[in-house]
C-alpha atoms as a PDB file:
ATOM      1  CA  MET A   1     -53.479 -11.096  47.402  1.00  0.00           C
ATOM      2  CA  CYS A   2     -50.800 -13.522  46.316  1.00  0.00           C
ATOM      3  CA  LYS A   3     -50.936 -15.575  49.553  1.00  0.00           C
ATOM      4  CA  GLY A   4     -48.600 -18.154  48.032  1.00  0.00           C
ATOM      5  CA  GLY A   5     -51.324 -19.242  45.613  1.00  0.00           C
ATOM      6  CA  LEU A   6     -49.963 -17.720  42.402  1.00  0.00           C
ATOM      7  CA  LEU A   7     -48.667 -21.008  41.004  1.00  0.00           C
ATOM      8  CA  GLU A   8     -51.460 -23.044  42.597  1.00  0.00           C
ATOM      9  CA  ARG A   9     -54.054 -20.928  40.781  1.00  0.00           C
ATOM     10  CA  VAL A  10     -52.399 -21.771  37.464  1.00  0.00           C
ATOM     11  CA  VAL A  11     -51.770 -25.528  37.811  1.00  0.00           C
ATOM     12  CA  GLY A  12     -54.633 -26.329  40.223  1.00  0.00           C
ATOM     13  CA  SER A  13     -54.556 -27.585  43.821  1.00  0.00           C
ATOM     14  CA  GLY A  14     -54.201 -31.235  42.833  1.00  0.00           C
ATOM     15  CA  GLU A  15     -51.174 -30.636  40.617  1.00  0.00           C
ATOM     16  CA  PHE A  16     -49.613 -28.239  43.145  1.00  0.00           C
ATOM     17  CA  LYS A  17     -49.696 -30.980  45.784  1.00  0.00           C
ATOM     18  CA  ARG A  18     -47.733 -33.250  43.433  1.00  0.00           C
ATOM     19  CA  LEU A  19     -44.796 -30.837  43.307  1.00  0.00           C
ATOM     20  CA  CYS A  20     -41.611 -32.062  44.995  1.00  0.00           C
ATOM     21  CA  PRO A  21     -41.029 -30.431  48.431  1.00  0.00           C
ATOM     22  CA  ALA A  22     -38.257 -27.993  47.450  1.00  0.00           C
ATOM     23  CA  VAL A  23     -40.252 -26.592  44.512  1.00  0.00           C
ATOM     24  CA  LYS A  24     -43.408 -26.336  46.607  1.00  0.00           C
ATOM     25  CA  LYS A  25     -41.477 -24.438  49.283  1.00  0.00           C
ATOM     26  CA  ARG A  26     -40.132 -22.020  46.681  1.00  0.00           C
ATOM     27  CA  TYR A  27     -43.640 -21.014  45.560  1.00  0.00           C
ATOM     28  CA  ASN A  28     -45.659 -21.455  48.750  1.00  0.00           C
ATOM     29  CA  ILE A  29     -44.876 -18.075  50.313  1.00  0.00           C
ATOM     30  CA  SER A  30     -47.171 -15.288  51.487  1.00  0.00           C
ATOM     31  CA  GLY A  31     -47.406 -12.010  53.377  1.00  0.00           C
ATOM     32  CA  ASP A  32     -44.100 -11.010  54.979  1.00  0.00           C
ATOM     33  CA  ASP A  33     -42.294 -14.219  54.003  1.00  0.00           C
ATOM     34  CA  ARG A  34     -39.106 -14.038  51.976  1.00  0.00           C
ATOM     35  CA  LEU A  35     -37.088 -16.954  50.668  1.00  0.00           C
ATOM     36  CA  ILE A  36     -33.335 -16.761  50.174  1.00  0.00           C
ATOM     37  CA  LEU A  37     -31.829 -19.231  47.704  1.00  0.00           C
ATOM     38  CA  ARG A  38     -28.046 -19.625  47.839  1.00  0.00           C
ATOM     39  CA  GLY A  39     -26.090 -21.792  45.449  1.00  0.00           C
ATOM     40  CA  VAL A  40     -23.974 -22.024  42.311  1.00  0.00           C
ATOM     41  CA  VAL A  41     -24.804 -21.452  38.634  1.00  0.00           C
ATOM     42  CA  GLU A  42     -22.853 -23.876  36.447  1.00  0.00           C
ATOM     43  CA  ASN A  43     -22.852 -25.701  33.104  1.00  0.00           C
ATOM     44  CA  VAL A  44     -23.417 -22.404  31.307  1.00  0.00           C
ATOM     45  CA  GLU A  45     -23.484 -22.631  27.512  1.00  0.00           C
ATOM     46  CA  GLN A  46     -24.166 -19.821  25.036  1.00  0.00           C
ATOM     47  CA  SER A  47     -24.111 -19.792  21.241  1.00  0.00           C
ATOM     48  CA  GLY A  48     -22.683 -17.032  19.079  1.00  0.00           C
ATOM     49  CA  ALA A  49     -26.193 -16.025  18.037  1.00  0.00           C
ATOM     50  CA  ALA A  50     -27.193 -15.635  21.697  1.00  0.00           C
ATOM     51  CA  LYS A  51     -24.188 -13.405  22.368  1.00  0.00           C
ATOM     52  CA  ALA A  52     -25.115 -11.214  19.391  1.00  0.00           C
ATOM     53  CA  ILE A  53     -28.754 -10.940  20.526  1.00  0.00           C
ATOM     54  CA  GLY A  54     -27.721 -10.133  24.105  1.00  0.00           C
ATOM     55  CA  TRP A  55     -25.252  -7.495  22.938  1.00  0.00           C
ATOM     56  CA  ALA A  56     -27.778  -5.897  20.572  1.00  0.00           C
ATOM     57  CA  CYS A  57     -30.547  -5.834  23.194  1.00  0.00           C
ATOM     58  CA  GLY A  58     -28.320  -4.968  26.144  1.00  0.00           C
ATOM     59  CA  LEU A  59     -29.526  -8.031  28.051  1.00  0.00           C
ATOM     60  CA  PRO A  60     -27.309  -9.474  30.825  1.00  0.00           C
ATOM     61  CA  SER A  61     -27.107 -13.263  31.121  1.00  0.00           C
ATOM     62  CA  GLU A  62     -25.231 -15.806  33.192  1.00  0.00           C
ATOM     63  CA  ALA A  63     -23.202 -16.837  30.161  1.00  0.00           C
ATOM     64  CA  ALA A  64     -22.301 -13.250  29.317  1.00  0.00           C
ATOM     65  CA  VAL A  65     -20.834 -12.562  32.736  1.00  0.00           C
ATOM     66  CA  THR A  66     -19.514 -15.947  33.916  1.00  0.00           C
ATOM     67  CA  GLY A  67     -18.338 -17.560  30.704  1.00  0.00           C
ATOM     68  CA  SER A  68     -18.168 -21.296  31.321  1.00  0.00           C
ATOM     69  CA  LYS A  69     -17.022 -20.982  34.963  1.00  0.00           C
ATOM     70  CA  PRO A  70     -19.347 -21.729  37.912  1.00  0.00           C
ATOM     71  CA  ALA A  71     -20.458 -18.589  39.758  1.00  0.00           C
ATOM     72  CA  ARG A  72     -21.897 -18.194  43.242  1.00  0.00           C
ATOM     73  CA  CYS A  73     -25.487 -16.966  43.130  1.00  0.00           C
ATOM     74  CA  GLU A  74     -28.012 -15.660  45.657  1.00  0.00           C
ATOM     75  CA  MET A  75     -31.711 -15.143  44.946  1.00  0.00           C
ATOM     76  CA  ALA A  76     -34.322 -13.427  47.127  1.00  0.00           C
ATOM     77  CA  VAL A  77     -37.963 -14.347  46.443  1.00  0.00           C
ATOM     78  CA  TRP A  78     -40.970 -12.463  47.831  1.00  0.00           C
ATOM     79  CA  CYS A  79     -44.654 -12.074  47.076  1.00  0.00           C
ATOM     80  CA  THR A  80     -46.911  -9.076  46.423  1.00  0.00           C
ATOM     81  CA  GLU A  81     -50.442  -8.814  45.080  1.00  0.00           C
ATOM     82  CA  SER A  82     -50.743 -11.116  42.033  1.00  0.00           C
ATOM     83  CA  ALA A  83     -46.974 -11.298  41.517  1.00  0.00           C
ATOM     84  CA  LEU A  84     -43.852 -13.165  42.593  1.00  0.00           C
ATOM     85  CA  HIS A  85     -40.575 -11.214  42.595  1.00  0.00           C
ATOM     86  CA  LEU A  86     -37.040 -12.573  42.286  1.00  0.00           C
ATOM     87  CA  GLN A  87     -33.883 -10.533  42.880  1.00  0.00           C
ATOM     88  CA  LYS A  88     -30.847 -12.450  41.604  1.00  0.00           C
ATOM     89  CA  THR A  89     -27.223 -11.575  42.378  1.00  0.00           C
ATOM     90  CA  LEU A  90     -24.319 -13.339  40.645  1.00  0.00           C
ATOM     91  CA  TYR A  91     -20.866 -13.163  42.229  1.00  0.00           C
ATOM     92  CA  VAL A  92     -18.508 -13.437  39.263  1.00  0.00           C
ATOM     93  CA  PRO A  93     -14.844 -14.318  39.979  1.00  0.00           C
ATOM     94  CA  ASP A  94     -12.517 -11.490  38.957  1.00  0.00           C
ATOM     95  CA  ALA A  95     -10.402 -12.706  36.027  1.00  0.00           C
ATOM     96  CA  ALA A  96      -7.945  -9.789  36.092  1.00  0.00           C
ATOM     97  CA  LYS A  97      -4.301 -10.789  36.537  1.00  0.00           C
ATOM     98  CA  ASP A  98      -3.803  -8.326  39.401  1.00  0.00           C
ATOM     99  CA  ALA A  99      -7.035  -9.305  41.202  1.00  0.00           C
ATOM    100  CA  ARG A 100      -6.693 -10.406  44.804  1.00  0.00           C
ATOM    101  CA  PRO A 101      -7.515 -14.064  45.538  1.00  0.00           C
ATOM    102  CA  GLY A 102     -11.247 -14.645  45.935  1.00  0.00           C
ATOM    103  CA  ALA A 103     -12.174 -11.241  44.481  1.00  0.00           C
ATOM    104  CA  SER A 104     -15.499 -11.084  42.647  1.00  0.00           C
ATOM    105  CA  SER A 105     -17.912  -8.562  41.161  1.00  0.00           C
ATOM    106  CA  LYS A 106     -21.693  -8.524  41.565  1.00  0.00           C
ATOM    107  CA  VAL A 107     -24.219  -8.593  38.729  1.00  0.00           C
ATOM    108  CA  ALA A 108     -27.832  -8.066  39.886  1.00  0.00           C
ATOM    109  CA  THR A 109     -31.048  -8.649  37.931  1.00  0.00           C
ATOM    110  CA  LYS A 110     -34.705  -8.587  38.926  1.00  0.00           C
ATOM    111  CA  THR A 111     -37.546 -10.727  37.539  1.00  0.00           C
ATOM    112  CA  THR A 112     -41.288 -10.403  38.131  1.00  0.00           C
ATOM    113  CA  LEU A 113     -43.598 -13.364  37.564  1.00  0.00           C
ATOM    114  CA  ARG A 114     -47.144 -12.048  37.253  1.00  0.00           C
ATOM    115  CA  TYR A 115     -50.516 -13.801  37.358  1.00  0.00           C
ATOM    116  CA  HIS A 116     -52.529 -12.523  34.383  1.00  0.00           C
ATOM    117  CA  LYS A 117     -55.841 -13.944  33.154  1.00  0.00           C
ATOM    118  CA  GLY A 118     -55.180 -17.487  34.323  1.00  0.00           C
ATOM    119  CA  GLU A 119     -51.541 -17.806  33.274  1.00  0.00           C
ATOM    120  CA  LEU A 120     -48.034 -16.820  34.372  1.00  0.00           C
ATOM    121  CA  VAL A 121     -46.250 -13.966  32.615  1.00  0.00           C
ATOM    122  CA  GLU A 122     -42.547 -13.203  33.059  1.00  0.00           C
ATOM    123  CA  MET A 123     -42.415  -9.422  32.746  1.00  0.00           C
ATOM    124  CA  LEU A 124     -39.822  -7.876  30.422  1.00  0.00           C
ATOM    125  CA  THR A 125     -41.107  -4.310  30.896  1.00  0.00           C
ATOM    126  CA  SER A 126     -43.969  -2.836  32.898  1.00  0.00           C
ATOM    127  CA  CYS A 127     -46.495  -3.925  30.243  1.00  0.00           C
ATOM    128  CA  VAL A 128     -44.790  -6.554  28.025  1.00  0.00           C
ATOM    129  CA  GLY A 129     -44.050 -10.100  29.112  1.00  0.00           C
ATOM    130  CA  VAL A 130     -43.429 -13.711  28.105  1.00  0.00           C
ATOM    131  CA  ARG A 131     -46.395 -16.035  28.585  1.00  0.00           C
ATOM    132  CA  LEU A 132     -45.414 -19.230  30.428  1.00  0.00           C
ATOM    133  CA  ALA A 133     -47.311 -22.512  30.362  1.00  0.00           C
ATOM    134  CA  ALA A 134     -46.850 -24.383  33.664  1.00  0.00           C
ATOM    135  CA  GLU A 135     -47.054 -28.127  34.173  1.00  0.00           C
ATOM    136  CA  VAL A 136     -45.977 -30.667  36.784  1.00  0.00           C
ATOM    137  CA  SER A 137     -43.921 -33.592  35.479  1.00  0.00           C
ATOM    138  CA  PRO A 138     -44.472 -37.200  36.640  1.00  0.00           C
ATOM    139  CA  THR A 139     -41.475 -36.809  38.972  1.00  0.00           C
ATOM    140  CA  GLY A 140     -42.931 -33.693  40.633  1.00  0.00           C
ATOM    141  CA  ALA A 141     -40.716 -31.188  38.824  1.00  0.00           C
ATOM    142  CA  LEU A 142     -42.143 -27.849  37.675  1.00  0.00           C
ATOM    143  CA  VAL A 143     -41.733 -27.131  33.965  1.00  0.00           C
ATOM    144  CA  LEU A 144     -42.360 -23.625  32.593  1.00  0.00           C
ATOM    145  CA  ARG A 145     -42.402 -23.163  28.797  1.00  0.00           C
ATOM    146  CA  SER A 146     -42.791 -19.905  26.930  1.00  0.00           C
ATOM    147  CA  THR A 147     -45.748 -19.838  24.536  1.00  0.00           C
ATOM    148  CA  GLY A 148     -45.646 -16.275  23.221  1.00  0.00           C
ATOM    149  CA  PHE A 149     -45.575 -12.615  24.175  1.00  0.00           C
ATOM    150  CA  VAL A 150     -48.303 -10.385  25.526  1.00  0.00           C
ATOM    151  CA  ALA A 151     -48.492  -6.595  25.568  1.00  0.00           C
ATOM    152  CA  MET A 152     -50.916  -5.390  28.254  1.00  0.00           C
ATOM    153  CA  LEU A 153     -52.423  -2.211  26.874  1.00  0.00           C
ATOM    154  CA  GLY A 154     -54.908  -1.079  29.492  1.00  0.00           C
ATOM    155  CA  PRO A 155     -58.034  -3.255  29.172  1.00  0.00           C
ATOM    156  CA  PHE A 156     -56.682  -4.857  25.978  1.00  0.00           C
ATOM    157  CA  ASP A 157     -54.017  -7.515  25.379  1.00  0.00           C
ATOM    158  CA  LEU A 158     -51.945  -7.843  22.209  1.00  0.00           C
ATOM    159  CA  TYR A 159     -50.614 -11.384  21.710  1.00  0.00           C
ATOM    160  CA  LEU A 160     -47.503 -12.056  19.610  1.00  0.00           C
ATOM    161  CA  PRO A 161     -45.937 -15.399  18.610  1.00  0.00           C
ATOM    162  CA  LEU A 162     -42.427 -16.217  19.783  1.00  0.00           C
ATOM    163  CA  PHE A 163     -40.705 -16.177  16.379  1.00  0.00           C
ATOM    164  CA  LEU A 164     -41.520 -12.494  15.763  1.00  0.00           C
ATOM    165  CA  LEU A 165     -39.094 -11.357  18.469  1.00  0.00           C
ATOM    166  CA  PRO A 166     -35.458 -12.346  19.160  1.00  0.00           C
ATOM    167  CA  PHE A 167     -36.032 -13.385  22.767  1.00  0.00           C
ATOM    168  CA  CYS A 168     -36.923 -16.888  21.514  1.00  0.00           C
ATOM    169  CA  SER A 169     -38.396 -19.862  23.356  1.00  0.00           C
ATOM    170  CA  VAL A 170     -37.436 -20.361  27.005  1.00  0.00           C
ATOM    171  CA  GLN A 171     -37.922 -23.381  29.242  1.00  0.00           C
ATOM    172  CA  TYR A 172     -37.314 -23.543  32.985  1.00  0.00           C
ATOM    173  CA  GLU A 173     -37.340 -26.760  35.000  1.00  0.00           C
ATOM    174  CA  GLU A 174     -37.232 -26.823  38.792  1.00  0.00           C
ATOM    175  CA  THR A 175     -36.800 -30.059  40.713  1.00  0.00           C
ATOM    176  CA  ASP A 176     -35.790 -31.335  44.154  1.00  0.00           C
ATOM    177  CA  ALA A 177     -32.068 -32.017  44.634  1.00  0.00           C
ATOM    178  CA  THR A 178     -32.336 -32.996  48.320  1.00  0.00           C
ATOM    179  CA  THR A 179     -30.772 -36.355  49.259  1.00  0.00           C
ATOM    180  CA  THR A 180     -30.902 -38.589  52.333  1.00  0.00           C
ATOM    181  CA  ARG A 181     -27.440 -37.313  53.265  1.00  0.00           C
ATOM    182  CA  ASP A 182     -28.786 -33.795  53.853  1.00  0.00           C
ATOM    183  CA  ALA A 183     -29.904 -32.648  57.299  1.00  0.00           C
ATOM    184  CA  PRO A 184     -33.633 -32.983  58.128  1.00  0.00           C
ATOM    185  CA  GLY A 185     -35.579 -29.946  56.928  1.00  0.00           C
ATOM    186  CA  THR A 186     -33.034 -29.102  54.220  1.00  0.00           C
ATOM    187  CA  ALA A 187     -34.504 -28.117  50.841  1.00  0.00           C
ATOM    188  CA  LEU A 188     -32.226 -28.166  47.799  1.00  0.00           C
ATOM    189  CA  LEU A 189     -33.612 -26.857  44.512  1.00  0.00           C
ATOM    190  CA  ARG A 190     -32.104 -27.571  41.088  1.00  0.00           C
ATOM    191  CA  VAL A 191     -33.034 -25.074  38.373  1.00  0.00           C
ATOM    192  CA  SER A 192     -32.351 -25.604  34.652  1.00  0.00           C
ATOM    193  CA  GLN A 193     -32.819 -22.995  31.940  1.00  0.00           C
ATOM    194  CA  ALA A 194     -32.710 -23.493  28.173  1.00  0.00           C
ATOM    195  CA  ALA A 195     -33.458 -21.089  25.336  1.00  0.00           C
ATOM    196  CA  SER A 196     -33.868 -21.749  21.623  1.00  0.00           C
ATOM    197  CA  HIS A 197     -35.139 -20.059  18.473  1.00  0.00           C
ATOM    198  CA  PRO A 198     -37.079 -21.624  15.572  1.00  0.00           C
ATOM    199  CA  PHE A 199     -34.463 -20.430  13.057  1.00  0.00           C
ATOM    200  CA  LEU A 200     -31.290 -20.041  15.169  1.00  0.00           C
ATOM    201  CA  GLY A 201     -31.524 -23.292  17.115  1.00  0.00           C
ATOM    202  CA  SER A 202     -30.234 -23.686  20.666  1.00  0.00           C
ATOM    203  CA  LEU A 203     -29.088 -20.359  22.140  1.00  0.00           C
ATOM    204  CA  LEU A 204     -28.180 -20.878  25.788  1.00  0.00           C
ATOM    205  CA  GLY A 205     -28.473 -23.190  28.746  1.00  0.00           C
ATOM    206  CA  ALA A 206     -27.547 -23.173  32.430  1.00  0.00           C
ATOM    207  CA  THR A 207     -28.174 -25.141  35.610  1.00  0.00           C
ATOM    208  CA  GLY A 208     -27.872 -24.232  39.269  1.00  0.00           C
ATOM    209  CA  THR A 209     -28.381 -25.900  42.639  1.00  0.00           C
ATOM    210  CA  PHE A 210     -29.666 -23.794  45.534  1.00  0.00           C
ATOM    211  CA  LYS A 211     -30.358 -24.237  49.230  1.00  0.00           C
ATOM    212  CA  VAL A 212     -33.694 -22.685  50.245  1.00  0.00           C
ATOM    213  CA  HIS A 213     -33.732 -20.535  53.410  1.00  0.00           C
ATOM    214  CA  ALA A 214     -36.836 -18.931  54.925  1.00  0.00           C
ATOM    215  CA  ALA A 215     -36.688 -15.351  56.241  1.00  0.00           C
ATOM    216  CA  LYS A 216     -38.955 -12.415  57.032  1.00  0.00           C
ATOM    217  CA  LEU A 217     -39.427  -9.588  54.569  1.00  0.00           C
ATOM    218  CA  ALA A 218     -37.561  -6.542  55.862  1.00  0.00           C
END
């Protein structure tokens, strides 16, 4: 069972305890628990190469749907056996001239973070994923860096280096954004994402700040 220990199994109990409170709360879930993260995605940057790759692969991204404008975002996080699931919904402001004030459209994506042979794998399909190395920074932030691809073929694994595929190198950083001005018990999480390629350079980047809410899994 996941029992909130998916990340703890990877980084170890000692390192998990060093995580800042908001990050620890995001990963320390179990059973019927569900976390709801509400916030804004902003500072979105995307290169021309990234747009071409996304268009060719049919991959949605924050930059593709929001441009450079901040967009309201809601994420639901829940746990199953050996996996952490994230359902993300972006509310993109309607840019049409005849759109009513405040109108927006929804873009939903789902991500599965799986525990596989001692490491985290962000699943791209049911059997292919990006291997993520996890570490805790001196400030208590969680840093996830892609190290390659793995194809899970029954009892066998096929490992591929990053440069062989266009999905490139991805880094996520999660840290605590809570301040003394926030109400007691409030957990604010800041998430940064950056992607690059050995030959194409920097491809995209985005940051978001989210308030963490606890709920029961329906």
